Amino acid sequence: MLERLKIFEFFAPYNFVLFDHNPEQLKMGASARGGTRSTPTASPTGNAGASGNGTEQTTVTVTKARLVGPETKKFCDTLIAWCAPASLGSKAAATVATGQQWGSKPSMLLMQWGPPAAGFTFTATMSKVDIQYLRVSFLGIPTHATVTLSLKEEPTILPMTNPTSGGRPGRNRHMMLADETLMSVATKTFGNPSAWRAIAEVNGIDDPTSLRPGDVVYLPAPDELKQLAGATR
């Protein structure tokens, strides 16, 4: 399974968004400020930084990353709060960590996709968020959304906060064995072979037969499993 796109709040890594489906496209661009051209440099953390004159600004556009499940609305609200901190969400932890006035600046974020040495890892602020809700459960809870984001890199000399990784709270990781299928995993874990659909939805799996031994899947928590089952009725 491919490593999924994650965005953490730099000074409060427990406040994060973990996307269920990776974006259709990730676009990066750089522009020189004040008519001075500079050459991007790579930091040990994988950041696409600027050269010594500090005149280059890197922007990132993430197109149609998908969120699926009962935490869709919560994650969407978090993204909006990062873009407009005075409108949504609590910034108490960041206020204590940075000493800045609440809501005075967009939150510093850490974006990760793939392994740090070969993938994307950089600090940024959110400049634009577009959300389209595609599915709502019978309880009125959004369960599927596509998200397009625009971010502006904000290089920092501060040490990276060590974010939590992996699945959402309550989910367990499972490595597929040679003789396993999603149905057999669902039967063994939940006692219900039809729960394979919920596992597939959580992991963004369109073709269950594409799984190979060694692939890692996240298993929904019991409460999440019930909510996913209710959303598909």
C-alpha atoms as a PDB file:
ATOM      1  CA  MET A   1       0.000   0.000   0.000  1.00  0.00           C
ATOM      2  CA  LEU A   2       1.235   3.490  -0.791  1.00  0.00           C
ATOM      3  CA  GLU A   3       1.973   5.852   2.063  1.00  0.00           C
ATOM      4  CA  ARG A   4      -0.964   8.231   2.449  1.00  0.00           C
ATOM      5  CA  LEU A   5      -0.817  12.008   2.443  1.00  0.00           C
ATOM      6  CA  LYS A   6      -0.759  13.492   5.954  1.00  0.00           C
ATOM      7  CA  ILE A   7      -0.788  17.077   7.217  1.00  0.00           C
ATOM      8  CA  PHE A   8       0.073  17.894  10.835  1.00  0.00           C
ATOM      9  CA  GLU A   9      -0.019  21.101  12.835  1.00  0.00           C
ATOM     10  CA  PHE A  10       3.671  21.829  13.409  1.00  0.00           C
ATOM     11  CA  PHE A  11       3.388  22.838  17.078  1.00  0.00           C
ATOM     12  CA  ALA A  12       0.523  20.456  17.901  1.00  0.00           C
ATOM     13  CA  PRO A  13       1.071  17.220  15.912  1.00  0.00           C
ATOM     14  CA  TYR A  14      -1.911  15.517  17.543  1.00  0.00           C
ATOM     15  CA  ASN A  15      -4.018  17.865  15.394  1.00  0.00           C
ATOM     16  CA  PHE A  16      -3.714  16.243  11.971  1.00  0.00           C
ATOM     17  CA  VAL A  17      -5.533  15.275   8.782  1.00  0.00           C
ATOM     18  CA  LEU A  18      -4.914  11.852   7.251  1.00  0.00           C
ATOM     19  CA  PHE A  19      -6.344  11.430   3.747  1.00  0.00           C
ATOM     20  CA  ASP A  20      -7.970   8.122   2.804  1.00  0.00           C
ATOM     21  CA  HIS A  21      -7.309   8.500  -0.943  1.00  0.00           C
ATOM     22  CA  ASN A  22      -4.194  10.194  -2.233  1.00  0.00           C
ATOM     23  CA  PRO A  23      -4.639  13.287  -4.436  1.00  0.00           C
ATOM     24  CA  GLU A  24      -5.135  13.066  -8.172  1.00  0.00           C
ATOM     25  CA  GLN A  25      -2.306  15.546  -8.630  1.00  0.00           C
ATOM     26  CA  LEU A  26       0.327  17.406  -6.629  1.00  0.00           C
ATOM     27  CA  LYS A  27       1.680  20.503  -8.346  1.00  0.00           C
ATOM     28  CA  MET A  28       4.705  22.508  -7.155  1.00  0.00           C
ATOM     29  CA  GLY A  29       5.832  25.907  -8.389  1.00  0.00           C
ATOM     30  CA  ALA A  30       8.416  28.500  -7.442  1.00  0.00           C
ATOM     31  CA  SER A  31       8.522  32.231  -8.089  1.00  0.00           C
ATOM     32  CA  ALA A  32      11.312  34.730  -7.460  1.00  0.00           C
ATOM     33  CA  ARG A  33      10.551  37.784  -5.352  1.00  0.00           C
ATOM     34  CA  GLY A  34      11.787  41.244  -6.233  1.00  0.00           C
ATOM     35  CA  GLY A  35      13.049  40.191  -9.659  1.00  0.00           C
ATOM     36  CA  THR A  36      15.901  38.159  -8.173  1.00  0.00           C
ATOM     37  CA  ARG A  37      16.190  34.598  -9.328  1.00  0.00           C
ATOM     38  CA  SER A  38      17.323  31.910  -6.930  1.00  0.00           C
ATOM     39  CA  THR A  39      17.995  28.205  -7.088  1.00  0.00           C
ATOM     40  CA  PRO A  40      15.970  25.798  -4.921  1.00  0.00           C
ATOM     41  CA  THR A  41      17.957  23.712  -2.479  1.00  0.00           C
ATOM     42  CA  ALA A  42      17.035  20.505  -0.691  1.00  0.00           C
ATOM     43  CA  SER A  43      17.282  20.276   3.082  1.00  0.00           C
ATOM     44  CA  PRO A  44      18.054  17.026   4.961  1.00  0.00           C
ATOM     45  CA  THR A  45      14.351  16.763   5.822  1.00  0.00           C
ATOM     46  CA  GLY A  46      13.331  16.834   2.154  1.00  0.00           C
ATOM     47  CA  ASN A  47      12.126  20.431   2.208  1.00  0.00           C
ATOM     48  CA  ALA A  48      12.303  22.291  -1.080  1.00  0.00           C
ATOM     49  CA  GLY A  49      13.893  25.418   0.331  1.00  0.00           C
ATOM     50  CA  ALA A  50      15.398  28.546  -1.189  1.00  0.00           C
ATOM     51  CA  SER A  51      18.988  29.542  -1.691  1.00  0.00           C
ATOM     52  CA  GLY A  52      20.885  31.866   0.590  1.00  0.00           C
ATOM     53  CA  ASN A  53      19.283  35.059  -0.732  1.00  0.00           C
ATOM     54  CA  GLY A  54      15.844  33.823   0.380  1.00  0.00           C
ATOM     55  CA  THR A  55      14.052  35.269  -2.635  1.00  0.00           C
ATOM     56  CA  GLU A  56      12.240  32.187  -3.873  1.00  0.00           C
ATOM     57  CA  GLN A  57       8.765  31.172  -2.730  1.00  0.00           C
ATOM     58  CA  THR A  58       7.509  27.620  -3.274  1.00  0.00           C
ATOM     59  CA  THR A  59       3.789  26.907  -3.609  1.00  0.00           C
ATOM     60  CA  VAL A  60       2.044  23.541  -3.605  1.00  0.00           C
ATOM     61  CA  THR A  61      -1.391  22.626  -4.966  1.00  0.00           C
ATOM     62  CA  VAL A  62      -2.997  19.333  -3.930  1.00  0.00           C
ATOM     63  CA  THR A  63      -5.878  18.372  -6.202  1.00  0.00           C
ATOM     64  CA  LYS A  64      -8.821  16.161  -5.190  1.00  0.00           C
ATOM     65  CA  ALA A  65      -7.503  14.329  -2.172  1.00  0.00           C
ATOM     66  CA  ARG A  66     -10.362  12.317  -0.694  1.00  0.00           C
ATOM     67  CA  LEU A  67     -11.617  11.841   2.842  1.00  0.00           C
ATOM     68  CA  VAL A  68     -13.903   8.903   3.573  1.00  0.00           C
ATOM     69  CA  GLY A  69     -15.632   7.906   6.808  1.00  0.00           C
ATOM     70  CA  PRO A  70     -17.313   9.425   9.860  1.00  0.00           C
ATOM     71  CA  GLU A  71     -14.399  11.808  10.564  1.00  0.00           C
ATOM     72  CA  THR A  72     -14.737  13.506   7.167  1.00  0.00           C
ATOM     73  CA  LYS A  73     -16.425  16.645   8.550  1.00  0.00           C
ATOM     74  CA  LYS A  74     -13.972  16.899  11.444  1.00  0.00           C
ATOM     75  CA  PHE A  75     -10.973  16.772   9.109  1.00  0.00           C
ATOM     76  CA  CYS A  76     -12.566  19.271   6.703  1.00  0.00           C
ATOM     77  CA  ASP A  77     -13.190  21.678   9.592  1.00  0.00           C
ATOM     78  CA  THR A  78      -9.548  21.302  10.609  1.00  0.00           C
ATOM     79  CA  LEU A  79      -8.388  22.205   7.094  1.00  0.00           C
ATOM     80  CA  ILE A  80     -10.594  25.303   7.067  1.00  0.00           C
ATOM     81  CA  ALA A  81      -9.346  26.306  10.516  1.00  0.00           C
ATOM     82  CA  TRP A  82      -5.749  26.075   9.307  1.00  0.00           C
ATOM     83  CA  CYS A  83      -6.599  28.375   6.411  1.00  0.00           C
ATOM     84  CA  ALA A  84      -8.661  30.854   8.482  1.00  0.00           C
ATOM     85  CA  PRO A  85      -7.620  30.325  12.115  1.00  0.00           C
ATOM     86  CA  ALA A  86      -9.961  32.959  13.501  1.00  0.00           C
ATOM     87  CA  SER A  87     -13.057  31.195  12.151  1.00  0.00           C
ATOM     88  CA  LEU A  88     -12.879  27.595  13.361  1.00  0.00           C
ATOM     89  CA  GLY A  89     -10.994  25.384  15.764  1.00  0.00           C
ATOM     90  CA  SER A  90      -8.978  25.859  18.921  1.00  0.00           C
ATOM     91  CA  LYS A  91      -5.447  27.241  18.717  1.00  0.00           C
ATOM     92  CA  ALA A  92      -4.637  27.138  22.426  1.00  0.00           C
ATOM     93  CA  ALA A  93      -1.783  24.650  22.041  1.00  0.00           C
ATOM     94  CA  ALA A  94      -0.166  26.615  19.249  1.00  0.00           C
ATOM     95  CA  THR A  95      -0.562  29.830  21.225  1.00  0.00           C
ATOM     96  CA  VAL A  96       1.306  28.353  24.181  1.00  0.00           C
ATOM     97  CA  ALA A  97       4.023  26.841  21.975  1.00  0.00           C
ATOM     98  CA  THR A  98       4.694  29.913  19.842  1.00  0.00           C
ATOM     99  CA  GLY A  99       3.688  32.838  22.060  1.00  0.00           C
ATOM    100  CA  GLN A 100       1.815  34.414  19.149  1.00  0.00           C
ATOM    101  CA  GLN A 101      -1.647  35.909  19.463  1.00  0.00           C
ATOM    102  CA  TRP A 102      -4.483  33.476  18.709  1.00  0.00           C
ATOM    103  CA  GLY A 103      -5.722  33.836  15.161  1.00  0.00           C
ATOM    104  CA  SER A 104      -3.001  36.327  14.183  1.00  0.00           C
ATOM    105  CA  LYS A 105      -1.349  34.058  11.596  1.00  0.00           C
ATOM    106  CA  PRO A 106      -2.224  30.840   9.742  1.00  0.00           C
ATOM    107  CA  SER A 107      -0.984  27.714  11.486  1.00  0.00           C
ATOM    108  CA  MET A 108       2.439  26.338  10.609  1.00  0.00           C
ATOM    109  CA  LEU A 109       1.902  22.899   9.086  1.00  0.00           C
ATOM    110  CA  LEU A 110       4.036  19.870   8.301  1.00  0.00           C
ATOM    111  CA  MET A 111       3.018  18.021   5.134  1.00  0.00           C
ATOM    112  CA  GLN A 112       4.268  14.481   4.494  1.00  0.00           C
ATOM    113  CA  TRP A 113       3.666  12.119   1.594  1.00  0.00           C
ATOM    114  CA  GLY A 114       5.897   9.122   1.119  1.00  0.00           C
ATOM    115  CA  PRO A 115       9.238   8.403   2.799  1.00  0.00           C
ATOM    116  CA  PRO A 116      11.125  11.564   3.864  1.00  0.00           C
ATOM    117  CA  ALA A 117      14.198  10.821   1.730  1.00  0.00           C
ATOM    118  CA  ALA A 118      12.323  10.149  -1.516  1.00  0.00           C
ATOM    119  CA  GLY A 119       8.870  11.682  -1.054  1.00  0.00           C
ATOM    120  CA  PHE A 120       7.550  15.066   0.091  1.00  0.00           C
ATOM    121  CA  THR A 121       8.218  16.627   3.494  1.00  0.00           C
ATOM    122  CA  PHE A 122       7.975  20.378   4.028  1.00  0.00           C
ATOM    123  CA  THR A 123       6.567  23.052   6.290  1.00  0.00           C
ATOM    124  CA  ALA A 124       3.899  25.359   4.937  1.00  0.00           C
ATOM    125  CA  THR A 125       0.853  27.473   5.657  1.00  0.00           C
ATOM    126  CA  MET A 126      -2.556  26.875   4.116  1.00  0.00           C
ATOM    127  CA  SER A 127      -3.604  29.602   1.685  1.00  0.00           C
ATOM    128  CA  LYS A 128      -6.747  28.091   0.129  1.00  0.00           C
ATOM    129  CA  VAL A 129      -9.137  25.192   0.756  1.00  0.00           C
ATOM    130  CA  ASP A 130     -11.893  23.956  -1.558  1.00  0.00           C
ATOM    131  CA  ILE A 131     -14.135  21.138  -0.263  1.00  0.00           C
ATOM    132  CA  GLN A 132     -16.841  19.222  -2.081  1.00  0.00           C
ATOM    133  CA  TYR A 133     -18.995  16.884   0.025  1.00  0.00           C
ATOM    134  CA  LEU A 134     -20.008  13.884  -2.093  1.00  0.00           C
ATOM    135  CA  ARG A 135     -21.860  11.649   0.350  1.00  0.00           C
ATOM    136  CA  VAL A 136     -23.891  12.158   3.535  1.00  0.00           C
ATOM    137  CA  SER A 137     -25.178   9.335   5.750  1.00  0.00           C
ATOM    138  CA  PHE A 138     -28.827   8.891   6.692  1.00  0.00           C
ATOM    139  CA  LEU A 139     -27.945  10.620   9.989  1.00  0.00           C
ATOM    140  CA  GLY A 140     -26.799  13.712   8.119  1.00  0.00           C
ATOM    141  CA  ILE A 141     -23.089  13.044   8.732  1.00  0.00           C
ATOM    142  CA  PRO A 142     -20.751  13.752   5.772  1.00  0.00           C
ATOM    143  CA  THR A 143     -18.858  10.557   4.944  1.00  0.00           C
ATOM    144  CA  HIS A 144     -17.084  11.383   1.679  1.00  0.00           C
ATOM    145  CA  ALA A 145     -15.458  14.574   0.420  1.00  0.00           C
ATOM    146  CA  THR A 146     -12.882  15.681  -2.125  1.00  0.00           C
ATOM    147  CA  VAL A 147     -10.446  18.387  -1.095  1.00  0.00           C
ATOM    148  CA  THR A 148      -8.238  20.717  -3.143  1.00  0.00           C
ATOM    149  CA  LEU A 149      -5.593  22.623  -1.199  1.00  0.00           C
ATOM    150  CA  SER A 150      -3.129  25.415  -1.883  1.00  0.00           C
ATOM    151  CA  LEU A 151      -0.145  25.750   0.433  1.00  0.00           C
ATOM    152  CA  LYS A 152       2.765  28.168   0.674  1.00  0.00           C
ATOM    153  CA  GLU A 153       6.067  26.854   1.944  1.00  0.00           C
ATOM    154  CA  GLU A 154       7.347  28.470   5.118  1.00  0.00           C
ATOM    155  CA  PRO A 155      10.938  27.315   5.761  1.00  0.00           C
ATOM    156  CA  THR A 156      11.772  27.054   9.443  1.00  0.00           C
ATOM    157  CA  ILE A 157      14.985  26.664  11.393  1.00  0.00           C
ATOM    158  CA  LEU A 158      13.100  25.033  14.262  1.00  0.00           C
ATOM    159  CA  PRO A 159      13.510  21.282  14.799  1.00  0.00           C
ATOM    160  CA  MET A 160      10.792  19.111  13.314  1.00  0.00           C
ATOM    161  CA  THR A 161       8.112  17.989  15.747  1.00  0.00           C
ATOM    162  CA  ASN A 162       7.835  14.228  15.732  1.00  0.00           C
ATOM    163  CA  PRO A 163       4.251  13.615  14.540  1.00  0.00           C
ATOM    164  CA  THR A 164       2.227  10.553  15.247  1.00  0.00           C
ATOM    165  CA  SER A 165       1.919   8.348  12.166  1.00  0.00           C
ATOM    166  CA  GLY A 166      -0.223   5.548  10.877  1.00  0.00           C
ATOM    167  CA  GLY A 167      -3.980   5.211  10.994  1.00  0.00           C
ATOM    168  CA  ARG A 168      -6.553   7.240  12.848  1.00  0.00           C
ATOM    169  CA  PRO A 169      -7.051   6.616  16.583  1.00  0.00           C
ATOM    170  CA  GLY A 170      -8.733   3.267  17.240  1.00  0.00           C
ATOM    171  CA  ARG A 171      -7.602   1.692  13.969  1.00  0.00           C
ATOM    172  CA  ASN A 172      -5.202  -1.230  13.880  1.00  0.00           C
ATOM    173  CA  ARG A 173      -2.599  -2.018  11.241  1.00  0.00           C
ATOM    174  CA  HIS A 174      -2.642  -5.400   9.545  1.00  0.00           C
ATOM    175  CA  MET A 175      -0.049  -6.818   7.163  1.00  0.00           C
ATOM    176  CA  MET A 176      -1.536  -9.089   4.517  1.00  0.00           C
ATOM    177  CA  LEU A 177      -0.235 -12.669   4.513  1.00  0.00           C
ATOM    178  CA  ALA A 178       0.191 -14.905   1.480  1.00  0.00           C
ATOM    179  CA  ASP A 179      -3.116 -16.732   1.872  1.00  0.00           C
ATOM    180  CA  GLU A 180      -5.261 -13.805   3.061  1.00  0.00           C
ATOM    181  CA  THR A 181      -8.002 -11.783   1.394  1.00  0.00           C
ATOM    182  CA  LEU A 182      -9.964  -8.819   2.706  1.00  0.00           C
ATOM    183  CA  MET A 183     -12.897 -11.166   3.302  1.00  0.00           C
ATOM    184  CA  SER A 184     -10.812 -13.564   5.382  1.00  0.00           C
ATOM    185  CA  VAL A 185      -9.340 -10.660   7.367  1.00  0.00           C
ATOM    186  CA  ALA A 186     -12.842  -9.276   7.982  1.00  0.00           C
ATOM    187  CA  THR A 187     -14.066 -12.687   9.138  1.00  0.00           C
ATOM    188  CA  LYS A 188     -11.103 -13.188  11.468  1.00  0.00           C
ATOM    189  CA  THR A 189     -11.196  -9.654  12.897  1.00  0.00           C
ATOM    190  CA  PHE A 190     -14.906  -8.831  13.028  1.00  0.00           C
ATOM    191  CA  GLY A 191     -16.589 -12.222  12.622  1.00  0.00           C
ATOM    192  CA  ASN A 192     -18.384 -10.848   9.573  1.00  0.00           C
ATOM    193  CA  PRO A 193     -17.066 -11.479   6.039  1.00  0.00           C
ATOM    194  CA  SER A 194     -19.137  -8.605   4.611  1.00  0.00           C
ATOM    195  CA  ALA A 195     -17.066  -6.158   6.690  1.00  0.00           C
ATOM    196  CA  TRP A 196     -14.448  -6.361   3.919  1.00  0.00           C
ATOM    197  CA  ARG A 197     -16.285  -3.494   2.215  1.00  0.00           C
ATOM    198  CA  ALA A 198     -15.656  -1.199   5.189  1.00  0.00           C
ATOM    199  CA  ILE A 199     -11.970  -2.171   5.237  1.00  0.00           C
ATOM    200  CA  ALA A 200     -11.731  -1.448   1.513  1.00  0.00           C
ATOM    201  CA  GLU A 201     -13.423   1.950   1.938  1.00  0.00           C
ATOM    202  CA  VAL A 202     -11.168   2.983   4.829  1.00  0.00           C
ATOM    203  CA  ASN A 203      -8.069   2.146   2.796  1.00  0.00           C
ATOM    204  CA  GLY A 204      -9.293   3.474  -0.556  1.00  0.00           C
ATOM    205  CA  ILE A 205      -9.094   0.035  -2.172  1.00  0.00           C
ATOM    206  CA  ASP A 206     -11.040  -0.169  -5.431  1.00  0.00           C
ATOM    207  CA  ASP A 207      -9.861  -3.655  -6.383  1.00  0.00           C
ATOM    208  CA  PRO A 208      -9.450  -6.049  -3.410  1.00  0.00           C
ATOM    209  CA  THR A 209      -7.718  -8.584  -5.672  1.00  0.00           C
ATOM    210  CA  SER A 210      -4.837  -6.139  -6.170  1.00  0.00           C
ATOM    211  CA  LEU A 211      -3.569  -6.670  -2.610  1.00  0.00           C
ATOM    212  CA  ARG A 212      -0.293  -8.534  -2.275  1.00  0.00           C
ATOM    213  CA  PRO A 213       1.471 -10.193   0.676  1.00  0.00           C
ATOM    214  CA  GLY A 214       3.237  -7.551   2.735  1.00  0.00           C
ATOM    215  CA  ASP A 215       0.703  -4.813   1.954  1.00  0.00           C
ATOM    216  CA  VAL A 216      -0.531  -2.992   5.068  1.00  0.00           C
ATOM    217  CA  VAL A 217      -4.202  -2.156   5.596  1.00  0.00           C
ATOM    218  CA  TYR A 218      -5.883  -0.244   8.411  1.00  0.00           C
ATOM    219  CA  LEU A 219      -8.775  -1.935  10.190  1.00  0.00           C
ATOM    220  CA  PRO A 220     -11.583   0.374  11.354  1.00  0.00           C
ATOM    221  CA  ALA A 221     -12.433   0.572  15.032  1.00  0.00           C
ATOM    222  CA  PRO A 222     -15.721  -1.160  16.042  1.00  0.00           C
ATOM    223  CA  ASP A 223     -17.605   2.144  16.363  1.00  0.00           C
ATOM    224  CA  GLU A 224     -16.297   3.340  12.993  1.00  0.00           C
ATOM    225  CA  LEU A 225     -17.287   0.009  11.443  1.00  0.00           C
ATOM    226  CA  LYS A 226     -20.878   0.483  12.625  1.00  0.00           C
ATOM    227  CA  GLN A 227     -21.010   4.021  11.242  1.00  0.00           C
ATOM    228  CA  LEU A 228     -19.628   2.927   7.885  1.00  0.00           C
ATOM    229  CA  ALA A 229     -22.152   0.104   7.714  1.00  0.00           C
ATOM    230  CA  GLY A 230     -24.983   2.558   8.463  1.00  0.00           C
ATOM    231  CA  ALA A 231     -23.783   4.985   5.783  1.00  0.00           C
ATOM    232  CA  THR A 232     -24.038   2.318   3.069  1.00  0.00           C
ATOM    233  CA  ARG A 233     -27.586   1.241   3.878  1.00  0.00           C
END
